[in-house]
Amino acid sequence: MQDILTLAGANLLTPMILCFALGLAAALARSELSVPEAAAKALSIYLLFAIGFKGGVAVADHGLDVNLLAALVAGVILSFALPFAAFALLKALTRLSVTDAAAVAAHYGSISIVTFVTATSVLQSQGIAAEGYMVAVAAAMEAPAIISALFIVTRAGGKSEGMDAELWREILLNGSIVLLVGSFAIGLITGAEGMARIESFIVSPFQGVLCLFLLDMGLVAGRGLRGARGILTPGVLAFGLLMPVIGAATGLAAGLILGLSPGGTALMMTLAASASYIAVPAAMRVALPDANPSIYLTLSLGITFPFNLTLGIPAYVAVATALSGG
């Protein structure tokens, strides 16, 4: 237990997480600090391309095998199943309507790619290896939760627009998914030779760019919390802190069953614990237009995202390292 706390404390003091804390504190203190929107978008494009490309190169080195297929299947199952657990927990802790609860549940079955990227950086800083194909698992976990949420609404008597062509287009052509999958394919095709050509751009600047991006995300999360009065009831707040722990536990079980490395298990825990705030909100606007965006965005971006970055990831890495034989 002492080793877990020591490792968690060391991970908490990484530049990436401290940059997020700086942005959060600045926003809560109403500082004028800001990151231009165009710069923030450029940073996110760089990060998505880098993580997708490096994942593709890692799979090219590793090769396509049954381990990769099993991890993909496990990720999809988790994404389908977690919204049902989230919906049940919301109905037990809050008085949210069926539509609002299902919309929130969809966010917690999908994933946050920024949380995933941060976890990979923490692992690299600790010298902990992980399976390169986990970036493919991340991409596969983006959409299934949306289908689960629509199923929940239909069965519980809520109002939805169904899975029409517009919604599928919103999901599959979401910019972050296109860039992540596309850069993964480029890395898979070009392999080690492609990496050698752009390594100075992809590898060395990565963590510095991530620091600036997380500074901006801290500012965004802090501003969201300032405007969340009346939304964050005790039950809603409890859900935002309990659900990532439940998700992490399921990710841990999946990682141990699959026999993933300590790093791979930590990433599976992080994916299951994170909540979407990019792809799913866009889909919910189309599929569940009556759901209140301030509820699901405040929870995913204002509560669970900071929790995962400051406390969750260090704990997931420590637990995975202790239980996976690292």
C-alpha atoms as a PDB file:
ATOM      1  CA  MET A   1       0.000   0.000   0.000  1.00  0.00           C
ATOM      2  CA  GLN A   2       2.855   2.370   0.836  1.00  0.00           C
ATOM      3  CA  ASP A   3       4.421   1.692  -2.568  1.00  0.00           C
ATOM      4  CA  ILE A   4       1.126   2.496  -4.302  1.00  0.00           C
ATOM      5  CA  LEU A   5       0.789   5.803  -2.437  1.00  0.00           C
ATOM      6  CA  THR A   6       4.420   6.716  -3.169  1.00  0.00           C
ATOM      7  CA  LEU A   7       4.036   6.033  -6.886  1.00  0.00           C
ATOM      8  CA  ALA A   8       0.698   7.859  -7.022  1.00  0.00           C
ATOM      9  CA  GLY A   9       2.270  10.877  -5.319  1.00  0.00           C
ATOM     10  CA  ALA A  10       5.183  10.913  -7.785  1.00  0.00           C
ATOM     11  CA  ASN A  11       2.803  10.770 -10.764  1.00  0.00           C
ATOM     12  CA  LEU A  12       0.732  13.599  -9.309  1.00  0.00           C
ATOM     13  CA  LEU A  13       3.733  15.941  -9.508  1.00  0.00           C
ATOM     14  CA  THR A  14       4.372  15.587 -13.246  1.00  0.00           C
ATOM     15  CA  PRO A  15       4.534  18.795 -15.348  1.00  0.00           C
ATOM     16  CA  MET A  16       1.409  17.793 -17.309  1.00  0.00           C
ATOM     17  CA  ILE A  17      -0.821  17.410 -14.274  1.00  0.00           C
ATOM     18  CA  LEU A  18       0.615  20.511 -12.584  1.00  0.00           C
ATOM     19  CA  CYS A  19      -0.097  22.538 -15.759  1.00  0.00           C
ATOM     20  CA  PHE A  20      -3.718  21.385 -15.623  1.00  0.00           C
ATOM     21  CA  ALA A  21      -3.884  22.390 -11.945  1.00  0.00           C
ATOM     22  CA  LEU A  22      -2.439  25.811 -12.829  1.00  0.00           C
ATOM     23  CA  GLY A  23      -5.126  26.413 -15.465  1.00  0.00           C
ATOM     24  CA  LEU A  24      -7.876  25.226 -13.123  1.00  0.00           C
ATOM     25  CA  ALA A  25      -6.691  27.484 -10.291  1.00  0.00           C
ATOM     26  CA  ALA A  26      -6.308  30.472 -12.618  1.00  0.00           C
ATOM     27  CA  ALA A  27      -9.859  30.102 -13.926  1.00  0.00           C
ATOM     28  CA  LEU A  28     -11.359  29.666 -10.456  1.00  0.00           C
ATOM     29  CA  ALA A  29      -9.454  32.793  -9.333  1.00  0.00           C
ATOM     30  CA  ARG A  30     -10.902  34.664 -12.364  1.00  0.00           C
ATOM     31  CA  SER A  31      -7.439  35.351 -13.824  1.00  0.00           C
ATOM     32  CA  GLU A  32      -7.265  36.858 -17.321  1.00  0.00           C
ATOM     33  CA  LEU A  33      -4.968  34.012 -18.414  1.00  0.00           C
ATOM     34  CA  SER A  34      -6.244  32.410 -21.643  1.00  0.00           C
ATOM     35  CA  VAL A  35      -5.072  30.321 -24.597  1.00  0.00           C
ATOM     36  CA  PRO A  36      -6.244  31.528 -28.046  1.00  0.00           C
ATOM     37  CA  GLU A  37      -8.857  29.203 -29.505  1.00  0.00           C
ATOM     38  CA  ALA A  38      -6.891  28.658 -32.723  1.00  0.00           C
ATOM     39  CA  ALA A  39      -3.775  27.738 -30.721  1.00  0.00           C
ATOM     40  CA  ALA A  40      -5.742  25.291 -28.566  1.00  0.00           C
ATOM     41  CA  LYS A  41      -7.148  23.624 -31.688  1.00  0.00           C
ATOM     42  CA  ALA A  42      -3.663  23.354 -33.224  1.00  0.00           C
ATOM     43  CA  LEU A  43      -2.353  21.762 -30.019  1.00  0.00           C
ATOM     44  CA  SER A  44      -5.164  19.194 -30.029  1.00  0.00           C
ATOM     45  CA  ILE A  45      -4.539  18.344 -33.710  1.00  0.00           C
ATOM     46  CA  TYR A  46      -0.843  17.784 -32.984  1.00  0.00           C
ATOM     47  CA  LEU A  47      -1.582  15.544 -29.986  1.00  0.00           C
ATOM     48  CA  LEU A  48      -4.156  13.408 -31.805  1.00  0.00           C
ATOM     49  CA  PHE A  49      -1.857  12.956 -34.801  1.00  0.00           C
ATOM     50  CA  ALA A  50       1.154  12.098 -32.635  1.00  0.00           C
ATOM     51  CA  ILE A  51      -0.614   9.544 -30.449  1.00  0.00           C
ATOM     52  CA  GLY A  52      -2.356   7.914 -33.440  1.00  0.00           C
ATOM     53  CA  PHE A  53       0.849   7.744 -35.483  1.00  0.00           C
ATOM     54  CA  LYS A  54       2.904   6.310 -32.632  1.00  0.00           C
ATOM     55  CA  GLY A  55       0.175   3.716 -31.978  1.00  0.00           C
ATOM     56  CA  GLY A  56       0.190   2.674 -35.634  1.00  0.00           C
ATOM     57  CA  VAL A  57       3.973   2.313 -35.635  1.00  0.00           C
ATOM     58  CA  ALA A  58       3.807   0.236 -32.458  1.00  0.00           C
ATOM     59  CA  VAL A  59       1.221  -2.118 -34.028  1.00  0.00           C
ATOM     60  CA  ALA A  60       3.359  -2.399 -37.177  1.00  0.00           C
ATOM     61  CA  ASP A  61       6.275  -3.487 -34.987  1.00  0.00           C
ATOM     62  CA  HIS A  62       4.080  -5.809 -32.873  1.00  0.00           C
ATOM     63  CA  GLY A  63       2.039  -7.297 -35.720  1.00  0.00           C
ATOM     64  CA  LEU A  64      -1.687  -8.073 -35.895  1.00  0.00           C
ATOM     65  CA  ASP A  65      -2.502 -10.983 -33.584  1.00  0.00           C
ATOM     66  CA  VAL A  66      -5.111 -12.451 -31.263  1.00  0.00           C
ATOM     67  CA  ASN A  67      -4.004 -10.223 -28.360  1.00  0.00           C
ATOM     68  CA  LEU A  68      -4.878  -7.093 -30.337  1.00  0.00           C
ATOM     69  CA  LEU A  69      -8.247  -8.558 -31.381  1.00  0.00           C
ATOM     70  CA  ALA A  70      -9.066  -9.580 -27.792  1.00  0.00           C
ATOM     71  CA  ALA A  71      -8.238  -6.098 -26.486  1.00  0.00           C
ATOM     72  CA  LEU A  72     -10.473  -4.506 -29.139  1.00  0.00           C
ATOM     73  CA  VAL A  73     -13.374  -6.824 -28.257  1.00  0.00           C
ATOM     74  CA  ALA A  74     -12.919  -6.101 -24.535  1.00  0.00           C
ATOM     75  CA  GLY A  75     -12.918  -2.357 -25.156  1.00  0.00           C
ATOM     76  CA  VAL A  76     -16.111  -2.497 -27.221  1.00  0.00           C
ATOM     77  CA  ILE A  77     -17.853  -4.649 -24.571  1.00  0.00           C
ATOM     78  CA  LEU A  78     -16.857  -2.173 -21.854  1.00  0.00           C
ATOM     79  CA  SER A  79     -18.145   0.749 -23.902  1.00  0.00           C
ATOM     80  CA  PHE A  80     -21.486  -1.009 -24.446  1.00  0.00           C
ATOM     81  CA  ALA A  81     -21.841  -2.080 -20.789  1.00  0.00           C
ATOM     82  CA  LEU A  82     -20.657   0.935 -18.776  1.00  0.00           C
ATOM     83  CA  PRO A  83     -23.638   3.193 -19.705  1.00  0.00           C
ATOM     84  CA  PHE A  84     -26.002   0.701 -18.033  1.00  0.00           C
ATOM     85  CA  ALA A  85     -23.996   0.883 -14.796  1.00  0.00           C
ATOM     86  CA  ALA A  86     -23.823   4.673 -15.063  1.00  0.00           C
ATOM     87  CA  PHE A  87     -27.580   4.952 -15.655  1.00  0.00           C
ATOM     88  CA  ALA A  88     -28.372   2.737 -12.647  1.00  0.00           C
ATOM     89  CA  LEU A  89     -26.013   4.770 -10.425  1.00  0.00           C
ATOM     90  CA  LEU A  90     -27.536   8.052 -11.608  1.00  0.00           C
ATOM     91  CA  LYS A  91     -31.086   6.852 -10.867  1.00  0.00           C
ATOM     92  CA  ALA A  92     -29.957   5.803  -7.380  1.00  0.00           C
ATOM     93  CA  LEU A  93     -28.109   9.047  -6.541  1.00  0.00           C
ATOM     94  CA  THR A  94     -29.977  11.772  -8.453  1.00  0.00           C
ATOM     95  CA  ARG A  95     -33.400  12.885  -9.665  1.00  0.00           C
ATOM     96  CA  LEU A  96     -32.292  13.416 -13.269  1.00  0.00           C
ATOM     97  CA  SER A  97     -34.869  12.636 -15.959  1.00  0.00           C
ATOM     98  CA  VAL A  98     -34.494   9.470 -18.037  1.00  0.00           C
ATOM     99  CA  THR A  99     -33.242  11.503 -21.006  1.00  0.00           C
ATOM    100  CA  ASP A 100     -30.660  13.465 -18.997  1.00  0.00           C
ATOM    101  CA  ALA A 101     -29.469  10.340 -17.170  1.00  0.00           C
ATOM    102  CA  ALA A 102     -29.094   8.400 -20.440  1.00  0.00           C
ATOM    103  CA  ALA A 103     -27.171  11.278 -22.031  1.00  0.00           C
ATOM    104  CA  VAL A 104     -24.795  11.403 -19.076  1.00  0.00           C
ATOM    105  CA  ALA A 105     -24.445   7.597 -19.161  1.00  0.00           C
ATOM    106  CA  ALA A 106     -23.364   7.735 -22.816  1.00  0.00           C
ATOM    107  CA  HIS A 107     -20.475  10.050 -21.886  1.00  0.00           C
ATOM    108  CA  TYR A 108     -19.204   7.603 -19.252  1.00  0.00           C
ATOM    109  CA  GLY A 109     -19.283   4.618 -21.635  1.00  0.00           C
ATOM    110  CA  SER A 110     -17.237   6.504 -24.206  1.00  0.00           C
ATOM    111  CA  ILE A 111     -13.713   7.802 -23.585  1.00  0.00           C
ATOM    112  CA  SER A 112     -11.675  10.993 -23.235  1.00  0.00           C
ATOM    113  CA  ILE A 113      -8.754  10.900 -25.654  1.00  0.00           C
ATOM    114  CA  VAL A 114      -6.965  13.698 -23.742  1.00  0.00           C
ATOM    115  CA  THR A 115      -7.131  11.649 -20.540  1.00  0.00           C
ATOM    116  CA  PHE A 116      -5.737   8.694 -22.487  1.00  0.00           C
ATOM    117  CA  VAL A 117      -2.892  10.796 -23.946  1.00  0.00           C
ATOM    118  CA  THR A 118      -2.045  12.118 -20.478  1.00  0.00           C
ATOM    119  CA  ALA A 119      -1.911   8.585 -19.098  1.00  0.00           C
ATOM    120  CA  THR A 120       0.464   7.492 -21.871  1.00  0.00           C
ATOM    121  CA  SER A 121       2.753  10.421 -21.033  1.00  0.00           C
ATOM    122  CA  VAL A 122       2.722   9.573 -17.334  1.00  0.00           C
ATOM    123  CA  LEU A 123       3.662   5.983 -18.211  1.00  0.00           C
ATOM    124  CA  GLN A 124       6.504   7.174 -20.449  1.00  0.00           C
ATOM    125  CA  SER A 125       7.824   9.477 -17.739  1.00  0.00           C
ATOM    126  CA  GLN A 126       7.873   6.493 -15.359  1.00  0.00           C
ATOM    127  CA  GLY A 127       9.554   4.221 -17.914  1.00  0.00           C
ATOM    128  CA  ILE A 128       6.536   1.859 -17.943  1.00  0.00           C
ATOM    129  CA  ALA A 129       5.889   0.167 -21.298  1.00  0.00           C
ATOM    130  CA  ALA A 130       2.399  -0.390 -22.691  1.00  0.00           C
ATOM    131  CA  GLU A 131       0.939  -2.167 -25.708  1.00  0.00           C
ATOM    132  CA  GLY A 132       1.000   0.213 -28.672  1.00  0.00           C
ATOM    133  CA  TYR A 133      -2.336  -1.075 -29.958  1.00  0.00           C
ATOM    134  CA  MET A 134      -4.176   0.518 -26.993  1.00  0.00           C
ATOM    135  CA  VAL A 135      -4.704   3.591 -29.173  1.00  0.00           C
ATOM    136  CA  ALA A 136      -6.800   1.381 -31.476  1.00  0.00           C
ATOM    137  CA  VAL A 137      -8.794   0.235 -28.431  1.00  0.00           C
ATOM    138  CA  ALA A 138      -9.388   3.902 -27.569  1.00  0.00           C
ATOM    139  CA  ALA A 139     -10.793   4.601 -31.030  1.00  0.00           C
ATOM    140  CA  ALA A 140     -13.032   1.510 -30.848  1.00  0.00           C
ATOM    141  CA  MET A 141     -14.511   2.678 -27.505  1.00  0.00           C
ATOM    142  CA  GLU A 142     -15.738   6.043 -28.799  1.00  0.00           C
ATOM    143  CA  ALA A 143     -19.122   5.078 -30.271  1.00  0.00           C
ATOM    144  CA  PRO A 144     -20.753   1.929 -28.733  1.00  0.00           C
ATOM    145  CA  ALA A 145     -21.895   3.823 -25.619  1.00  0.00           C
ATOM    146  CA  ILE A 146     -24.089   6.076 -27.759  1.00  0.00           C
ATOM    147  CA  ILE A 147     -26.051   3.048 -28.954  1.00  0.00           C
ATOM    148  CA  SER A 148     -26.432   1.852 -25.353  1.00  0.00           C
ATOM    149  CA  ALA A 149     -27.779   5.254 -24.281  1.00  0.00           C
ATOM    150  CA  LEU A 150     -30.393   5.255 -27.040  1.00  0.00           C
ATOM    151  CA  PHE A 151     -31.409   1.713 -26.053  1.00  0.00           C
ATOM    152  CA  ILE A 152     -31.796   2.855 -22.421  1.00  0.00           C
ATOM    153  CA  VAL A 153     -33.955   5.813 -23.411  1.00  0.00           C
ATOM    154  CA  THR A 154     -36.187   3.649 -25.599  1.00  0.00           C
ATOM    155  CA  ARG A 155     -36.676   1.007 -22.897  1.00  0.00           C
ATOM    156  CA  ALA A 156     -37.197   3.565 -20.105  1.00  0.00           C
ATOM    157  CA  GLY A 157     -39.758   5.632 -22.026  1.00  0.00           C
ATOM    158  CA  GLY A 158     -37.602   8.690 -22.781  1.00  0.00           C
ATOM    159  CA  LYS A 159     -37.555  10.697 -26.010  1.00  0.00           C
ATOM    160  CA  SER A 160     -34.873  10.128 -28.657  1.00  0.00           C
ATOM    161  CA  GLU A 161     -34.394  10.760 -32.347  1.00  0.00           C
ATOM    162  CA  GLY A 162     -33.031   7.237 -32.991  1.00  0.00           C
ATOM    163  CA  MET A 163     -29.925   6.126 -34.902  1.00  0.00           C
ATOM    164  CA  ASP A 164     -30.458   7.822 -38.240  1.00  0.00           C
ATOM    165  CA  ALA A 165     -27.921   8.614 -40.982  1.00  0.00           C
ATOM    166  CA  GLU A 166     -27.144  12.048 -39.550  1.00  0.00           C
ATOM    167  CA  LEU A 167     -26.200  10.585 -36.180  1.00  0.00           C
ATOM    168  CA  TRP A 168     -23.985   7.886 -37.719  1.00  0.00           C
ATOM    169  CA  ARG A 169     -22.270  10.587 -39.762  1.00  0.00           C
ATOM    170  CA  GLU A 170     -21.780  12.682 -36.605  1.00  0.00           C
ATOM    171  CA  ILE A 171     -20.175   9.719 -34.850  1.00  0.00           C
ATOM    172  CA  LEU A 172     -18.009   8.236 -37.586  1.00  0.00           C
ATOM    173  CA  LEU A 173     -16.826  11.501 -39.160  1.00  0.00           C
ATOM    174  CA  ASN A 174     -16.159  13.325 -35.907  1.00  0.00           C
ATOM    175  CA  GLY A 175     -12.893  15.197 -36.459  1.00  0.00           C
ATOM    176  CA  SER A 176     -11.040  13.663 -33.523  1.00  0.00           C
ATOM    177  CA  ILE A 177     -11.962  10.115 -34.610  1.00  0.00           C
ATOM    178  CA  VAL A 178     -11.006  10.752 -38.245  1.00  0.00           C
ATOM    179  CA  LEU A 179      -7.623  12.199 -37.258  1.00  0.00           C
ATOM    180  CA  LEU A 180      -6.882   9.510 -34.667  1.00  0.00           C
ATOM    181  CA  VAL A 181      -7.809   6.604 -36.943  1.00  0.00           C
ATOM    182  CA  GLY A 182      -6.162   8.206 -39.980  1.00  0.00           C
ATOM    183  CA  SER A 183      -2.843   8.898 -38.261  1.00  0.00           C
ATOM    184  CA  PHE A 184      -2.946   5.385 -36.777  1.00  0.00           C
ATOM    185  CA  ALA A 185      -3.299   3.990 -40.313  1.00  0.00           C
ATOM    186  CA  ILE A 186      -0.393   6.153 -41.545  1.00  0.00           C
ATOM    187  CA  GLY A 187       1.806   4.899 -38.733  1.00  0.00           C
ATOM    188  CA  LEU A 188       0.741   1.305 -39.415  1.00  0.00           C
ATOM    189  CA  ILE A 189       1.574   1.638 -43.121  1.00  0.00           C
ATOM    190  CA  THR A 190       4.897   3.464 -42.783  1.00  0.00           C
ATOM    191  CA  GLY A 191       6.151   1.696 -39.640  1.00  0.00           C
ATOM    192  CA  ALA A 192       9.615   2.302 -38.227  1.00  0.00           C
ATOM    193  CA  GLU A 193      10.859   3.946 -41.433  1.00  0.00           C
ATOM    194  CA  GLY A 194       8.093   6.534 -41.255  1.00  0.00           C
ATOM    195  CA  MET A 195       8.823   7.186 -37.597  1.00  0.00           C
ATOM    196  CA  ALA A 196      12.506   7.767 -38.357  1.00  0.00           C
ATOM    197  CA  ARG A 197      11.536  10.495 -40.834  1.00  0.00           C
ATOM    198  CA  ILE A 198       9.399  12.561 -38.421  1.00  0.00           C
ATOM    199  CA  GLU A 199      10.615  11.426 -35.000  1.00  0.00           C
ATOM    200  CA  SER A 200      11.995  14.863 -34.089  1.00  0.00           C
ATOM    201  CA  PHE A 201       8.500  16.303 -34.602  1.00  0.00           C
ATOM    202  CA  ILE A 202       6.469  13.473 -33.074  1.00  0.00           C
ATOM    203  CA  VAL A 203       8.471  12.431 -30.008  1.00  0.00           C
ATOM    204  CA  SER A 204      10.573  15.236 -28.464  1.00  0.00           C
ATOM    205  CA  PRO A 205       8.006  18.094 -28.407  1.00  0.00           C
ATOM    206  CA  PHE A 206       5.120  15.858 -27.334  1.00  0.00           C
ATOM    207  CA  GLN A 207       5.126  16.357 -23.578  1.00  0.00           C
ATOM    208  CA  GLY A 208       5.732  20.120 -23.822  1.00  0.00           C
ATOM    209  CA  VAL A 209       2.771  20.499 -26.195  1.00  0.00           C
ATOM    210  CA  LEU A 210       0.666  18.358 -23.862  1.00  0.00           C
ATOM    211  CA  CYS A 211       1.536  20.694 -20.962  1.00  0.00           C
ATOM    212  CA  LEU A 212       0.190  23.719 -22.864  1.00  0.00           C
ATOM    213  CA  PHE A 213      -2.913  21.828 -23.952  1.00  0.00           C
ATOM    214  CA  LEU A 214      -3.672  20.733 -20.394  1.00  0.00           C
ATOM    215  CA  LEU A 215      -3.160  24.303 -19.189  1.00  0.00           C
ATOM    216  CA  ASP A 216      -5.976  25.302 -21.562  1.00  0.00           C
ATOM    217  CA  MET A 217      -8.143  22.354 -20.467  1.00  0.00           C
ATOM    218  CA  GLY A 218      -7.678  23.455 -16.849  1.00  0.00           C
ATOM    219  CA  LEU A 219      -8.910  26.922 -17.781  1.00  0.00           C
ATOM    220  CA  VAL A 220     -11.949  25.457 -19.572  1.00  0.00           C
ATOM    221  CA  ALA A 221     -12.790  23.127 -16.674  1.00  0.00           C
ATOM    222  CA  GLY A 222     -12.435  25.947 -14.127  1.00  0.00           C
ATOM    223  CA  ARG A 223     -14.744  28.261 -16.077  1.00  0.00           C
ATOM    224  CA  GLY A 224     -17.282  25.427 -16.332  1.00  0.00           C
ATOM    225  CA  LEU A 225     -17.203  24.871 -12.579  1.00  0.00           C
ATOM    226  CA  ARG A 226     -17.733  28.586 -11.918  1.00  0.00           C
ATOM    227  CA  GLY A 227     -20.957  28.448 -13.925  1.00  0.00           C
ATOM    228  CA  ALA A 228     -22.218  25.161 -12.484  1.00  0.00           C
ATOM    229  CA  ARG A 229     -24.266  26.516  -9.586  1.00  0.00           C
ATOM    230  CA  GLY A 230     -27.619  24.742  -9.343  1.00  0.00           C
ATOM    231  CA  ILE A 231     -26.392  21.748 -11.375  1.00  0.00           C
ATOM    232  CA  LEU A 232     -23.924  20.119  -9.009  1.00  0.00           C
ATOM    233  CA  THR A 233     -26.259  18.631  -6.404  1.00  0.00           C
ATOM    234  CA  PRO A 234     -24.597  16.282  -3.903  1.00  0.00           C
ATOM    235  CA  GLY A 235     -25.884  13.259  -5.815  1.00  0.00           C
ATOM    236  CA  VAL A 236     -24.619  14.525  -9.182  1.00  0.00           C
ATOM    237  CA  LEU A 237     -21.240  15.377  -7.663  1.00  0.00           C
ATOM    238  CA  ALA A 238     -21.013  11.940  -6.020  1.00  0.00           C
ATOM    239  CA  PHE A 239     -21.727  10.288  -9.374  1.00  0.00           C
ATOM    240  CA  GLY A 240     -18.963  12.274 -11.085  1.00  0.00           C
ATOM    241  CA  LEU A 241     -16.461  10.961  -8.539  1.00  0.00           C
ATOM    242  CA  LEU A 242     -17.756   7.394  -8.089  1.00  0.00           C
ATOM    243  CA  MET A 243     -18.331   6.443 -11.729  1.00  0.00           C
ATOM    244  CA  PRO A 244     -14.676   6.759 -12.818  1.00  0.00           C
ATOM    245  CA  VAL A 245     -13.687   4.477  -9.933  1.00  0.00           C
ATOM    246  CA  ILE A 246     -16.268   1.890 -11.033  1.00  0.00           C
ATOM    247  CA  GLY A 247     -15.094   2.197 -14.631  1.00  0.00           C
ATOM    248  CA  ALA A 248     -11.462   1.816 -13.585  1.00  0.00           C
ATOM    249  CA  ALA A 249     -12.317  -1.354 -11.657  1.00  0.00           C
ATOM    250  CA  THR A 250     -13.899  -2.895 -14.770  1.00  0.00           C
ATOM    251  CA  GLY A 251     -10.898  -1.826 -16.845  1.00  0.00           C
ATOM    252  CA  LEU A 252      -8.587  -3.425 -14.286  1.00  0.00           C
ATOM    253  CA  ALA A 253     -10.534  -6.690 -14.473  1.00  0.00           C
ATOM    254  CA  ALA A 254     -10.348  -6.625 -18.282  1.00  0.00           C
ATOM    255  CA  GLY A 255      -6.628  -5.893 -18.255  1.00  0.00           C
ATOM    256  CA  LEU A 256      -5.885  -8.733 -15.836  1.00  0.00           C
ATOM    257  CA  ILE A 257      -8.061 -11.225 -17.780  1.00  0.00           C
ATOM    258  CA  LEU A 258      -6.370 -10.255 -21.060  1.00  0.00           C
ATOM    259  CA  GLY A 259      -2.921 -10.490 -19.491  1.00  0.00           C
ATOM    260  CA  LEU A 260      -1.963  -6.962 -20.488  1.00  0.00           C
ATOM    261  CA  SER A 261       1.278  -5.425 -19.293  1.00  0.00           C
ATOM    262  CA  PRO A 262       1.143  -3.051 -16.282  1.00  0.00           C
ATOM    263  CA  GLY A 263       1.136  -0.102 -18.682  1.00  0.00           C
ATOM    264  CA  GLY A 264      -1.568  -1.645 -20.864  1.00  0.00           C
ATOM    265  CA  THR A 265      -3.699  -2.416 -17.803  1.00  0.00           C
ATOM    266  CA  ALA A 266      -3.314   1.184 -16.583  1.00  0.00           C
ATOM    267  CA  LEU A 267      -4.427   2.461 -19.995  1.00  0.00           C
ATOM    268  CA  MET A 268      -7.442   0.108 -20.042  1.00  0.00           C
ATOM    269  CA  MET A 269      -8.382   1.409 -16.564  1.00  0.00           C
ATOM    270  CA  THR A 270      -7.984   4.997 -17.758  1.00  0.00           C
ATOM    271  CA  LEU A 271     -10.133   4.437 -20.838  1.00  0.00           C
ATOM    272  CA  ALA A 272     -12.923   2.810 -18.813  1.00  0.00           C
ATOM    273  CA  ALA A 273     -12.728   5.542 -16.151  1.00  0.00           C
ATOM    274  CA  SER A 274     -12.760   8.516 -18.517  1.00  0.00           C
ATOM    275  CA  ALA A 275     -15.782  10.358 -19.896  1.00  0.00           C
ATOM    276  CA  SER A 276     -16.142  11.863 -23.347  1.00  0.00           C
ATOM    277  CA  TYR A 277     -16.495  15.622 -23.781  1.00  0.00           C
ATOM    278  CA  ILE A 278     -15.915  15.912 -27.548  1.00  0.00           C
ATOM    279  CA  ALA A 279     -17.499  13.131 -29.624  1.00  0.00           C
ATOM    280  CA  VAL A 280     -20.480  12.166 -27.444  1.00  0.00           C
ATOM    281  CA  PRO A 281     -21.728  15.736 -26.760  1.00  0.00           C
ATOM    282  CA  ALA A 282     -21.870  16.292 -30.511  1.00  0.00           C
ATOM    283  CA  ALA A 283     -23.814  13.052 -30.949  1.00  0.00           C
ATOM    284  CA  MET A 284     -26.184  13.833 -28.044  1.00  0.00           C
ATOM    285  CA  ARG A 285     -27.167  17.122 -29.638  1.00  0.00           C
ATOM    286  CA  VAL A 286     -28.535  15.092 -32.541  1.00  0.00           C
ATOM    287  CA  ALA A 287     -29.786  11.934 -30.801  1.00  0.00           C
ATOM    288  CA  LEU A 288     -31.138  13.361 -27.520  1.00  0.00           C
ATOM    289  CA  PRO A 289     -31.872  17.051 -28.210  1.00  0.00           C
ATOM    290  CA  ASP A 290     -34.009  17.346 -25.053  1.00  0.00           C
ATOM    291  CA  ALA A 291     -31.062  16.414 -22.785  1.00  0.00           C
ATOM    292  CA  ASN A 292     -29.528  19.312 -20.858  1.00  0.00           C
ATOM    293  CA  PRO A 293     -25.924  19.879 -22.126  1.00  0.00           C
ATOM    294  CA  SER A 294     -24.922  21.779 -18.988  1.00  0.00           C
ATOM    295  CA  ILE A 295     -25.413  18.602 -16.926  1.00  0.00           C
ATOM    296  CA  TYR A 296     -23.372  16.169 -19.014  1.00  0.00           C
ATOM    297  CA  LEU A 297     -20.647  18.684 -19.924  1.00  0.00           C
ATOM    298  CA  THR A 298     -20.233  19.872 -16.332  1.00  0.00           C
ATOM    299  CA  LEU A 299     -19.947  16.290 -15.115  1.00  0.00           C
ATOM    300  CA  SER A 300     -17.566  14.985 -17.779  1.00  0.00           C
ATOM    301  CA  LEU A 301     -15.352  18.063 -18.160  1.00  0.00           C
ATOM    302  CA  GLY A 302     -15.742  19.827 -14.808  1.00  0.00           C
ATOM    303  CA  ILE A 303     -15.722  16.875 -12.383  1.00  0.00           C
ATOM    304  CA  THR A 304     -14.502  13.595 -13.855  1.00  0.00           C
ATOM    305  CA  PHE A 305     -11.793  14.994 -16.143  1.00  0.00           C
ATOM    306  CA  PRO A 306      -9.986  16.885 -13.320  1.00  0.00           C
ATOM    307  CA  PHE A 307     -10.468  13.908 -10.988  1.00  0.00           C
ATOM    308  CA  ASN A 308      -8.853  11.527 -13.455  1.00  0.00           C
ATOM    309  CA  LEU A 309      -5.931  13.841 -14.203  1.00  0.00           C
ATOM    310  CA  THR A 310      -5.055  14.765 -10.631  1.00  0.00           C
ATOM    311  CA  LEU A 311      -5.926  11.629  -8.655  1.00  0.00           C
ATOM    312  CA  GLY A 312      -7.230   8.930 -11.001  1.00  0.00           C
ATOM    313  CA  ILE A 313      -4.320   8.374 -13.399  1.00  0.00           C
ATOM    314  CA  PRO A 314      -1.660   8.258 -10.653  1.00  0.00           C
ATOM    315  CA  ALA A 315      -3.807   5.758  -8.755  1.00  0.00           C
ATOM    316  CA  TYR A 316      -4.562   3.646 -11.867  1.00  0.00           C
ATOM    317  CA  VAL A 317      -0.855   3.441 -12.755  1.00  0.00           C
ATOM    318  CA  ALA A 318       0.069   2.515  -9.202  1.00  0.00           C
ATOM    319  CA  VAL A 319      -2.640  -0.170  -8.859  1.00  0.00           C
ATOM    320  CA  ALA A 320      -1.942  -1.647 -12.309  1.00  0.00           C
ATOM    321  CA  THR A 321       1.776  -1.773 -11.572  1.00  0.00           C
ATOM    322  CA  ALA A 322       1.175  -3.485  -8.227  1.00  0.00           C
ATOM    323  CA  LEU A 323      -1.359  -6.060  -9.495  1.00  0.00           C
ATOM    324  CA  SER A 324       0.030  -6.794 -12.971  1.00  0.00           C
ATOM    325  CA  GLY A 325       3.450  -7.820 -11.802  1.00  0.00           C
ATOM    326  CA  GLY A 326       5.237  -4.602 -12.797  1.00  0.00           C
END
